[in-house]
Amino acid sequence: MFENVKQVKSTASQRKQSLQISIDCKATVNLGNFSRGGKARGTEAVKALDHDMATKEKMIPFGILNLENDQLYVFYGNSYKTSDFICDAIEQWWEQVRETNRYVDELVIYADNGPESNSHRTQFLFRMVEFAKKVGLKIRLVYYPPYHSKYNPIEPKFSG
């Protein structure tokens, strides 16, 4: 699989009409005055609720990294990590950047085979096909092998 990823990167890098991006959906973040397991980054204890109760408010971060200019776009959802959430974010991102990428006819998307966007998710594939038809782009989905998401270029951006 790594040889395939390397070959796709090489080919796409040689085509000016190909735009390469890396995507990733991160874990849900509960919102509230929680203690984060009793750990604090500062010198004083964090004032928090005395129990980490179930919260009704949450945020789901999803990122798109443009590999040509290293620009990171982060979208937040507030329900669940789903294929539709990811595809909606990609469509919104494309609306923001398409004017400056008029020359692009192919979008190469590197992903980590996560449960919301893997190659077995029919809703994700259906939405990607619909998006490709709508905007007139060829979409190439490139997946890293299972349990190797650390090689996805967007990962270091989220860990900082």
N, C-alpha and C. Protein backbone atom coordinates (compact mmCIF):
# COMPACT_ATOMS: atom_id res chain seq x y z
N MET A 1 0.81 -1.20 0.00
CA MET A 1 0.00 0.00 0.00
C MET A 1 0.86 1.26 0.00
N PHE A 2 1.97 1.23 0.75
CA PHE A 2 2.82 2.42 0.79
C PHE A 2 3.41 2.72 -0.58
N GLU A 3 3.70 1.68 -1.34
CA GLU A 3 4.23 1.88 -2.69
C GLU A 3 3.18 2.55 -3.57
N ASN A 4 1.92 2.17 -3.39
CA ASN A 4 0.83 2.78 -4.14
C ASN A 4 0.70 4.26 -3.77
N VAL A 5 0.75 4.57 -2.48
CA VAL A 5 0.65 5.96 -2.03
C VAL A 5 1.80 6.78 -2.63
N LYS A 6 3.00 6.23 -2.59
CA LYS A 6 4.17 6.91 -3.13
C LYS A 6 4.02 7.17 -4.64
N GLN A 7 3.49 6.19 -5.36
CA GLN A 7 3.30 6.34 -6.81
C GLN A 7 2.26 7.42 -7.12
N VAL A 8 1.16 7.42 -6.37
CA VAL A 8 0.12 8.43 -6.59
C VAL A 8 0.67 9.82 -6.30
N LYS A 9 1.41 9.97 -5.19
CA LYS A 9 2.00 11.27 -4.86
C LYS A 9 2.93 11.76 -5.96
N SER A 10 3.74 10.87 -6.47
CA SER A 10 4.69 11.23 -7.52
C SER A 10 3.96 11.70 -8.78
N THR A 11 2.97 10.94 -9.19
CA THR A 11 2.21 11.29 -10.39
C THR A 11 1.46 12.60 -10.21
N ALA A 12 0.78 12.74 -9.07
CA ALA A 12 -0.02 13.96 -8.81
C ALA A 12 0.88 15.18 -8.68
N SER A 13 2.06 15.01 -8.12
CA SER A 13 2.97 16.15 -7.95
C SER A 13 3.47 16.67 -9.29
N GLN A 14 3.49 15.83 -10.30
CA GLN A 14 3.95 16.23 -11.62
C GLN A 14 2.86 16.89 -12.46
N ARG A 15 1.61 16.76 -12.03
CA ARG A 15 0.49 17.36 -12.75
C ARG A 15 0.06 18.66 -12.08
N LYS A 16 0.11 19.76 -12.80
CA LYS A 16 -0.30 21.04 -12.23
C LYS A 16 -1.81 21.09 -12.00
N GLN A 17 -2.54 20.24 -12.69
CA GLN A 17 -3.99 20.24 -12.55
C GLN A 17 -4.47 19.38 -11.37
N SER A 18 -3.55 18.74 -10.67
CA SER A 18 -3.92 17.92 -9.51
C SER A 18 -3.68 18.71 -8.23
N LEU A 19 -4.66 18.70 -7.36
CA LEU A 19 -4.53 19.32 -6.05
C LEU A 19 -4.58 18.21 -5.01
N GLN A 20 -3.55 18.13 -4.18
CA GLN A 20 -3.45 17.09 -3.17
C GLN A 20 -3.81 17.65 -1.81
N ILE A 21 -4.72 16.93 -1.13
CA ILE A 21 -5.10 17.32 0.22
C ILE A 21 -5.06 16.08 1.12
N SER A 22 -4.93 16.34 2.39
CA SER A 22 -4.97 15.29 3.41
C SER A 22 -6.12 15.61 4.35
N ILE A 23 -6.92 14.60 4.70
CA ILE A 23 -8.07 14.84 5.56
C ILE A 23 -8.02 13.95 6.80
N ASP A 24 -8.66 14.41 7.87
CA ASP A 24 -8.77 13.59 9.06
C ASP A 24 -9.86 14.15 9.97
N CYS A 25 -10.61 13.25 10.56
CA CYS A 25 -11.63 13.60 11.54
C CYS A 25 -11.12 13.17 12.89
N LYS A 26 -11.14 14.07 13.85
CA LYS A 26 -10.58 13.77 15.17
C LYS A 26 -11.68 13.36 16.14
N ALA A 27 -11.25 12.94 17.33
CA ALA A 27 -12.18 12.48 18.36
C ALA A 27 -13.08 13.63 18.83
N THR A 28 -14.27 13.27 19.22
CA THR A 28 -15.23 14.23 19.75
C THR A 28 -14.70 14.87 21.03
N VAL A 29 -14.88 16.18 21.14
CA VAL A 29 -14.45 16.93 22.32
C VAL A 29 -15.69 17.36 23.08
N ASN A 30 -15.82 16.92 24.33
CA ASN A 30 -16.93 17.36 25.16
C ASN A 30 -16.66 18.77 25.66
N LEU A 31 -17.68 19.61 25.65
CA LEU A 31 -17.54 20.98 26.10
C LEU A 31 -18.08 21.12 27.51
N GLY A 32 -17.35 21.81 28.36
CA GLY A 32 -17.79 22.04 29.73
C GLY A 32 -16.59 22.19 30.65
N ASN A 33 -16.86 22.44 31.90
CA ASN A 33 -15.80 22.61 32.90
C ASN A 33 -15.39 21.26 33.46
N PHE A 34 -14.73 20.47 32.63
CA PHE A 34 -14.30 19.14 33.04
C PHE A 34 -12.86 19.18 33.51
N SER A 35 -12.48 18.21 34.30
CA SER A 35 -11.16 18.24 34.92
C SER A 35 -10.06 17.63 34.06
N ARG A 36 -10.38 17.09 32.91
CA ARG A 36 -9.40 16.46 32.02
C ARG A 36 -8.61 15.38 32.77
N GLY A 37 -9.29 14.58 33.56
CA GLY A 37 -8.63 13.49 34.26
C GLY A 37 -7.77 13.95 35.42
N GLY A 38 -7.98 15.19 35.91
CA GLY A 38 -7.20 15.69 37.04
C GLY A 38 -5.85 16.26 36.64
N LYS A 39 -5.56 16.33 35.35
CA LYS A 39 -4.27 16.84 34.90
C LYS A 39 -4.40 18.30 34.48
N ALA A 40 -3.44 19.11 34.84
CA ALA A 40 -3.44 20.52 34.49
C ALA A 40 -2.11 20.87 33.84
N ARG A 41 -2.14 21.78 32.89
CA ARG A 41 -0.91 22.22 32.24
C ARG A 41 -0.23 23.33 33.02
N GLY A 42 -0.98 24.02 33.83
CA GLY A 42 -0.44 25.14 34.59
C GLY A 42 0.04 24.69 35.96
N THR A 43 0.44 25.66 36.76
CA THR A 43 0.95 25.35 38.10
C THR A 43 -0.17 25.16 39.12
N GLU A 44 -1.36 25.66 38.81
CA GLU A 44 -2.47 25.53 39.73
C GLU A 44 -3.51 24.55 39.18
N ALA A 45 -4.25 23.95 40.08
CA ALA A 45 -5.30 23.01 39.68
C ALA A 45 -6.37 23.74 38.87
N VAL A 46 -6.96 23.03 37.93
CA VAL A 46 -8.01 23.58 37.10
C VAL A 46 -9.32 23.51 37.87
N LYS A 47 -10.06 24.62 37.92
CA LYS A 47 -11.37 24.60 38.54
C LYS A 47 -12.32 23.93 37.57
N ALA A 48 -12.96 22.87 38.07
CA ALA A 48 -13.82 22.09 37.19
C ALA A 48 -14.96 21.50 38.00
N LEU A 49 -15.90 20.92 37.28
CA LEU A 49 -16.98 20.21 37.94
C LEU A 49 -16.37 19.03 38.71
N ASP A 50 -16.98 18.66 39.82
CA ASP A 50 -16.37 17.60 40.61
C ASP A 50 -16.60 16.21 40.03
N HIS A 51 -17.44 16.09 39.01
CA HIS A 51 -17.62 14.83 38.29
C HIS A 51 -17.68 15.15 36.80
N ASP A 52 -17.07 14.31 36.02
CA ASP A 52 -17.15 14.48 34.57
C ASP A 52 -18.46 13.86 34.07
N MET A 53 -19.51 14.65 34.22
CA MET A 53 -20.84 14.18 33.84
C MET A 53 -20.99 14.20 32.33
N ALA A 54 -21.92 13.42 31.86
CA ALA A 54 -22.20 13.40 30.43
C ALA A 54 -22.60 14.80 29.99
N THR A 55 -22.10 15.22 28.88
CA THR A 55 -22.38 16.57 28.40
C THR A 55 -23.30 16.50 27.20
N LYS A 56 -24.06 17.55 27.01
CA LYS A 56 -24.92 17.62 25.84
C LYS A 56 -24.24 18.39 24.73
N GLU A 57 -23.19 19.13 25.07
CA GLU A 57 -22.49 19.91 24.07
C GLU A 57 -21.17 19.26 23.72
N LYS A 58 -20.89 19.20 22.42
CA LYS A 58 -19.65 18.60 21.96
C LYS A 58 -19.26 19.22 20.62
N MET A 59 -18.01 19.07 20.29
CA MET A 59 -17.50 19.55 19.00
C MET A 59 -16.69 18.43 18.37
N ILE A 60 -16.84 18.29 17.07
CA ILE A 60 -16.08 17.30 16.33
C ILE A 60 -15.21 18.05 15.32
N PRO A 61 -13.88 18.02 15.50
CA PRO A 61 -13.01 18.70 14.53
C PRO A 61 -12.70 17.82 13.33
N PHE A 62 -12.71 18.43 12.17
CA PHE A 62 -12.34 17.77 10.93
C PHE A 62 -11.40 18.71 10.18
N GLY A 63 -10.28 18.18 9.73
CA GLY A 63 -9.30 19.02 9.07
C GLY A 63 -9.03 18.64 7.63
N ILE A 64 -8.69 19.65 6.85
CA ILE A 64 -8.25 19.48 5.47
C ILE A 64 -6.94 20.23 5.34
N LEU A 65 -5.90 19.53 4.94
CA LEU A 65 -4.59 20.14 4.75
C LEU A 65 -4.27 20.18 3.27
N ASN A 66 -4.07 21.39 2.74
CA ASN A 66 -3.63 21.55 1.36
C ASN A 66 -2.14 21.25 1.32
N LEU A 67 -1.75 20.20 0.62
CA LEU A 67 -0.35 19.78 0.62
C LEU A 67 0.53 20.66 -0.26
N GLU A 68 -0.06 21.50 -1.08
CA GLU A 68 0.73 22.40 -1.92
C GLU A 68 1.23 23.61 -1.16
N ASN A 69 0.39 24.15 -0.27
CA ASN A 69 0.77 25.37 0.44
C ASN A 69 0.75 25.22 1.96
N ASP A 70 0.52 24.00 2.43
CA ASP A 70 0.53 23.69 3.87
C ASP A 70 -0.54 24.46 4.64
N GLN A 71 -1.60 24.85 3.98
CA GLN A 71 -2.69 25.56 4.64
C GLN A 71 -3.66 24.56 5.23
N LEU A 72 -3.98 24.77 6.52
CA LEU A 72 -4.88 23.88 7.24
C LEU A 72 -6.23 24.56 7.41
N TYR A 73 -7.27 23.82 7.09
CA TYR A 73 -8.65 24.28 7.28
C TYR A 73 -9.28 23.34 8.29
N VAL A 74 -9.91 23.90 9.32
CA VAL A 74 -10.55 23.08 10.34
C VAL A 74 -12.03 23.42 10.40
N PHE A 75 -12.84 22.39 10.35
CA PHE A 75 -14.29 22.53 10.42
C PHE A 75 -14.76 21.83 11.70
N TYR A 76 -15.82 22.36 12.29
CA TYR A 76 -16.35 21.78 13.52
C TYR A 76 -17.81 21.41 13.32
N GLY A 77 -18.13 20.22 13.77
CA GLY A 77 -19.52 19.78 13.79
C GLY A 77 -19.96 19.67 15.23
N ASN A 78 -21.25 19.53 15.45
CA ASN A 78 -21.72 19.42 16.83
C ASN A 78 -22.69 18.26 17.04
N SER A 79 -22.66 17.28 16.15
CA SER A 79 -23.52 16.13 16.38
C SER A 79 -22.68 14.85 16.44
N TYR A 80 -22.43 14.24 15.30
CA TYR A 80 -21.67 13.00 15.26
C TYR A 80 -20.68 13.01 14.10
N LYS A 81 -19.63 12.22 14.25
CA LYS A 81 -18.68 12.03 13.14
C LYS A 81 -19.36 11.10 12.15
N THR A 82 -19.70 11.63 11.01
CA THR A 82 -20.36 10.82 9.99
C THR A 82 -19.74 11.11 8.63
N SER A 83 -20.03 10.24 7.69
CA SER A 83 -19.59 10.46 6.32
C SER A 83 -20.18 11.76 5.78
N ASP A 84 -21.43 12.04 6.11
CA ASP A 84 -22.06 13.27 5.63
C ASP A 84 -21.37 14.50 6.18
N PHE A 85 -20.99 14.48 7.45
CA PHE A 85 -20.27 15.61 8.05
C PHE A 85 -18.97 15.86 7.29
N ILE A 86 -18.22 14.81 7.01
CA ILE A 86 -16.95 14.93 6.30
C ILE A 86 -17.18 15.47 4.89
N CYS A 87 -18.13 14.92 4.19
CA CYS A 87 -18.40 15.36 2.81
C CYS A 87 -18.92 16.80 2.77
N ASP A 88 -19.76 17.16 3.74
CA ASP A 88 -20.22 18.55 3.81
C ASP A 88 -19.05 19.50 4.00
N ALA A 89 -18.10 19.12 4.85
CA ALA A 89 -16.92 19.97 5.09
C ALA A 89 -16.07 20.09 3.83
N ILE A 90 -15.88 18.99 3.13
CA ILE A 90 -15.08 19.02 1.88
C ILE A 90 -15.76 19.93 0.86
N GLU A 91 -17.07 19.82 0.74
CA GLU A 91 -17.80 20.68 -0.20
C GLU A 91 -17.69 22.15 0.20
N GLN A 92 -17.82 22.44 1.48
CA GLN A 92 -17.69 23.82 1.97
C GLN A 92 -16.27 24.34 1.71
N TRP A 93 -15.27 23.51 1.97
CA TRP A 93 -13.89 23.89 1.72
C TRP A 93 -13.69 24.21 0.23
N TRP A 94 -14.22 23.36 -0.65
CA TRP A 94 -14.03 23.58 -2.08
C TRP A 94 -14.68 24.90 -2.51
N GLU A 95 -15.83 25.23 -1.95
CA GLU A 95 -16.46 26.51 -2.26
C GLU A 95 -15.54 27.68 -1.90
N GLN A 96 -14.79 27.53 -0.80
CA GLN A 96 -13.88 28.58 -0.36
C GLN A 96 -12.65 28.71 -1.25
N VAL A 97 -12.17 27.60 -1.79
CA VAL A 97 -10.88 27.62 -2.49
C VAL A 97 -10.96 27.44 -4.00
N ARG A 98 -12.11 27.17 -4.53
CA ARG A 98 -12.19 26.82 -5.95
C ARG A 98 -11.78 27.96 -6.87
N GLU A 99 -12.06 29.19 -6.47
CA GLU A 99 -11.72 30.32 -7.33
C GLU A 99 -10.21 30.42 -7.55
N THR A 100 -9.44 30.15 -6.51
CA THR A 100 -7.98 30.20 -6.64
C THR A 100 -7.40 28.91 -7.21
N ASN A 101 -8.26 27.92 -7.46
CA ASN A 101 -7.82 26.63 -8.00
C ASN A 101 -8.59 26.28 -9.27
N ARG A 102 -8.84 27.29 -10.10
CA ARG A 102 -9.61 27.08 -11.33
C ARG A 102 -8.95 26.10 -12.28
N TYR A 103 -7.65 25.97 -12.21
CA TYR A 103 -6.89 25.08 -13.09
C TYR A 103 -7.01 23.60 -12.68
N VAL A 104 -7.50 23.34 -11.49
CA VAL A 104 -7.55 21.98 -10.96
C VAL A 104 -8.66 21.18 -11.62
N ASP A 105 -8.30 19.98 -12.09
CA ASP A 105 -9.30 19.05 -12.62
C ASP A 105 -9.31 17.73 -11.86
N GLU A 106 -8.37 17.59 -10.91
CA GLU A 106 -8.30 16.36 -10.12
C GLU A 106 -7.99 16.72 -8.66
N LEU A 107 -8.74 16.12 -7.76
CA LEU A 107 -8.52 16.29 -6.33
C LEU A 107 -8.06 14.94 -5.78
N VAL A 108 -6.83 14.92 -5.25
CA VAL A 108 -6.26 13.71 -4.67
C VAL A 108 -6.40 13.85 -3.15
N ILE A 109 -7.14 12.94 -2.55
CA ILE A 109 -7.45 13.02 -1.12
C ILE A 109 -6.77 11.86 -0.40
N TYR A 110 -5.86 12.20 0.51
CA TYR A 110 -5.18 11.21 1.34
C TYR A 110 -5.95 11.09 2.65
N ALA A 111 -6.30 9.86 3.02
CA ALA A 111 -7.07 9.62 4.23
C ALA A 111 -6.51 8.41 4.96
N ASP A 112 -6.92 8.25 6.20
CA ASP A 112 -6.32 7.20 7.02
C ASP A 112 -7.20 5.98 7.24
N ASN A 113 -8.19 5.77 6.41
CA ASN A 113 -9.05 4.59 6.51
C ASN A 113 -9.89 4.59 7.79
N GLY A 114 -10.20 5.78 8.30
CA GLY A 114 -11.03 5.89 9.49
C GLY A 114 -12.44 5.38 9.23
N PRO A 115 -13.19 5.12 10.28
CA PRO A 115 -14.51 4.51 10.12
C PRO A 115 -15.53 5.37 9.37
N GLU A 116 -15.32 6.68 9.33
CA GLU A 116 -16.29 7.56 8.67
C GLU A 116 -16.00 7.71 7.18
N SER A 117 -14.76 7.50 6.76
CA SER A 117 -14.40 7.80 5.38
C SER A 117 -13.66 6.66 4.69
N ASN A 118 -13.71 5.46 5.24
CA ASN A 118 -12.95 4.39 4.60
C ASN A 118 -13.62 3.92 3.31
N SER A 119 -12.92 3.10 2.60
CA SER A 119 -13.36 2.68 1.27
C SER A 119 -14.55 1.72 1.30
N HIS A 120 -15.02 1.35 2.48
CA HIS A 120 -16.18 0.47 2.58
C HIS A 120 -17.45 1.23 2.97
N ARG A 121 -17.32 2.52 3.20
CA ARG A 121 -18.47 3.34 3.60
C ARG A 121 -19.23 3.79 2.37
N THR A 122 -20.36 3.15 2.11
CA THR A 122 -21.10 3.45 0.89
C THR A 122 -21.61 4.88 0.87
N GLN A 123 -22.00 5.43 2.02
CA GLN A 123 -22.48 6.81 2.04
C GLN A 123 -21.35 7.77 1.68
N PHE A 124 -20.15 7.53 2.21
CA PHE A 124 -19.01 8.39 1.88
C PHE A 124 -18.71 8.32 0.38
N LEU A 125 -18.66 7.13 -0.16
CA LEU A 125 -18.36 6.98 -1.60
C LEU A 125 -19.46 7.60 -2.45
N PHE A 126 -20.71 7.39 -2.06
CA PHE A 126 -21.83 8.00 -2.78
C PHE A 126 -21.71 9.51 -2.80
N ARG A 127 -21.42 10.11 -1.64
CA ARG A 127 -21.30 11.56 -1.55
C ARG A 127 -20.10 12.07 -2.35
N MET A 128 -19.00 11.34 -2.35
CA MET A 128 -17.82 11.76 -3.12
C MET A 128 -18.12 11.74 -4.62
N VAL A 129 -18.85 10.73 -5.07
CA VAL A 129 -19.25 10.65 -6.49
C VAL A 129 -20.15 11.82 -6.84
N GLU A 130 -21.12 12.11 -5.98
CA GLU A 130 -22.03 13.24 -6.22
C GLU A 130 -21.27 14.57 -6.25
N PHE A 131 -20.32 14.74 -5.34
CA PHE A 131 -19.50 15.94 -5.29
C PHE A 131 -18.68 16.08 -6.58
N ALA A 132 -18.07 14.99 -7.02
CA ALA A 132 -17.25 15.00 -8.24
C ALA A 132 -18.10 15.42 -9.44
N LYS A 133 -19.29 14.88 -9.55
CA LYS A 133 -20.19 15.25 -10.65
C LYS A 133 -20.59 16.72 -10.58
N LYS A 134 -20.89 17.16 -9.38
CA LYS A 134 -21.37 18.53 -9.18
C LYS A 134 -20.31 19.57 -9.55
N VAL A 135 -19.05 19.32 -9.17
CA VAL A 135 -18.01 20.33 -9.38
C VAL A 135 -17.12 20.03 -10.58
N GLY A 136 -17.32 18.88 -11.21
CA GLY A 136 -16.55 18.54 -12.40
C GLY A 136 -15.11 18.16 -12.15
N LEU A 137 -14.84 17.55 -11.00
CA LEU A 137 -13.49 17.12 -10.66
C LEU A 137 -13.38 15.61 -10.69
N LYS A 138 -12.21 15.13 -11.03
CA LYS A 138 -11.88 13.73 -10.83
C LYS A 138 -11.40 13.64 -9.38
N ILE A 139 -11.96 12.70 -8.61
CA ILE A 139 -11.58 12.52 -7.21
C ILE A 139 -10.81 11.22 -7.10
N ARG A 140 -9.63 11.29 -6.52
CA ARG A 140 -8.82 10.10 -6.27
C ARG A 140 -8.66 9.96 -4.77
N LEU A 141 -9.19 8.88 -4.21
CA LEU A 141 -9.07 8.60 -2.78
C LEU A 141 -7.88 7.67 -2.56
N VAL A 142 -6.96 8.12 -1.73
CA VAL A 142 -5.75 7.35 -1.44
C VAL A 142 -5.72 7.07 0.06
N TYR A 143 -5.72 5.79 0.41
CA TYR A 143 -5.79 5.41 1.81
C TYR A 143 -4.46 4.86 2.31
N TYR A 144 -4.13 5.25 3.53
CA TYR A 144 -2.99 4.65 4.22
C TYR A 144 -3.45 3.32 4.82
N PRO A 145 -2.53 2.38 5.01
CA PRO A 145 -2.92 1.08 5.56
C PRO A 145 -3.53 1.23 6.95
N PRO A 146 -4.38 0.27 7.34
CA PRO A 146 -4.94 0.31 8.69
C PRO A 146 -3.84 0.39 9.75
N TYR A 147 -4.11 1.18 10.78
CA TYR A 147 -3.20 1.38 11.92
C TYR A 147 -1.92 2.13 11.53
N HIS A 148 -1.93 2.83 10.42
CA HIS A 148 -0.78 3.62 10.00
C HIS A 148 -1.16 5.08 9.73
N SER A 149 -2.16 5.57 10.47
CA SER A 149 -2.63 6.94 10.25
C SER A 149 -1.55 7.97 10.52
N LYS A 150 -0.52 7.60 11.28
CA LYS A 150 0.55 8.55 11.60
C LYS A 150 1.28 9.04 10.35
N TYR A 151 1.14 8.32 9.23
CA TYR A 151 1.78 8.73 7.99
C TYR A 151 0.94 9.72 7.19
N ASN A 152 -0.30 9.89 7.59
CA ASN A 152 -1.17 10.86 6.93
C ASN A 152 -0.62 12.26 7.22
N PRO A 153 -0.32 13.06 6.19
CA PRO A 153 0.35 14.35 6.41
C PRO A 153 -0.35 15.32 7.35
N ILE A 154 -1.64 15.17 7.55
CA ILE A 154 -2.36 16.10 8.43
C ILE A 154 -2.12 15.80 9.91
N GLU A 155 -1.72 14.59 10.24
CA GLU A 155 -1.58 14.19 11.65
C GLU A 155 -0.71 15.13 12.49
N PRO A 156 0.49 15.51 12.01
CA PRO A 156 1.31 16.42 12.85
C PRO A 156 0.66 17.78 13.10
N LYS A 157 -0.22 18.19 12.22
CA LYS A 157 -0.90 19.49 12.38
C LYS A 157 -1.86 19.47 13.57
N PHE A 158 -2.47 18.31 13.81
CA PHE A 158 -3.43 18.20 14.91
C PHE A 158 -2.73 17.91 16.24
N SER A 159 -1.53 17.42 16.21
CA SER A 159 -0.87 17.05 17.46
C SER A 159 -0.17 18.22 18.14
N GLY A 160 -0.06 19.35 17.46
CA GLY A 160 0.67 20.50 18.00
C GLY A 160 -0.07 21.33 18.96
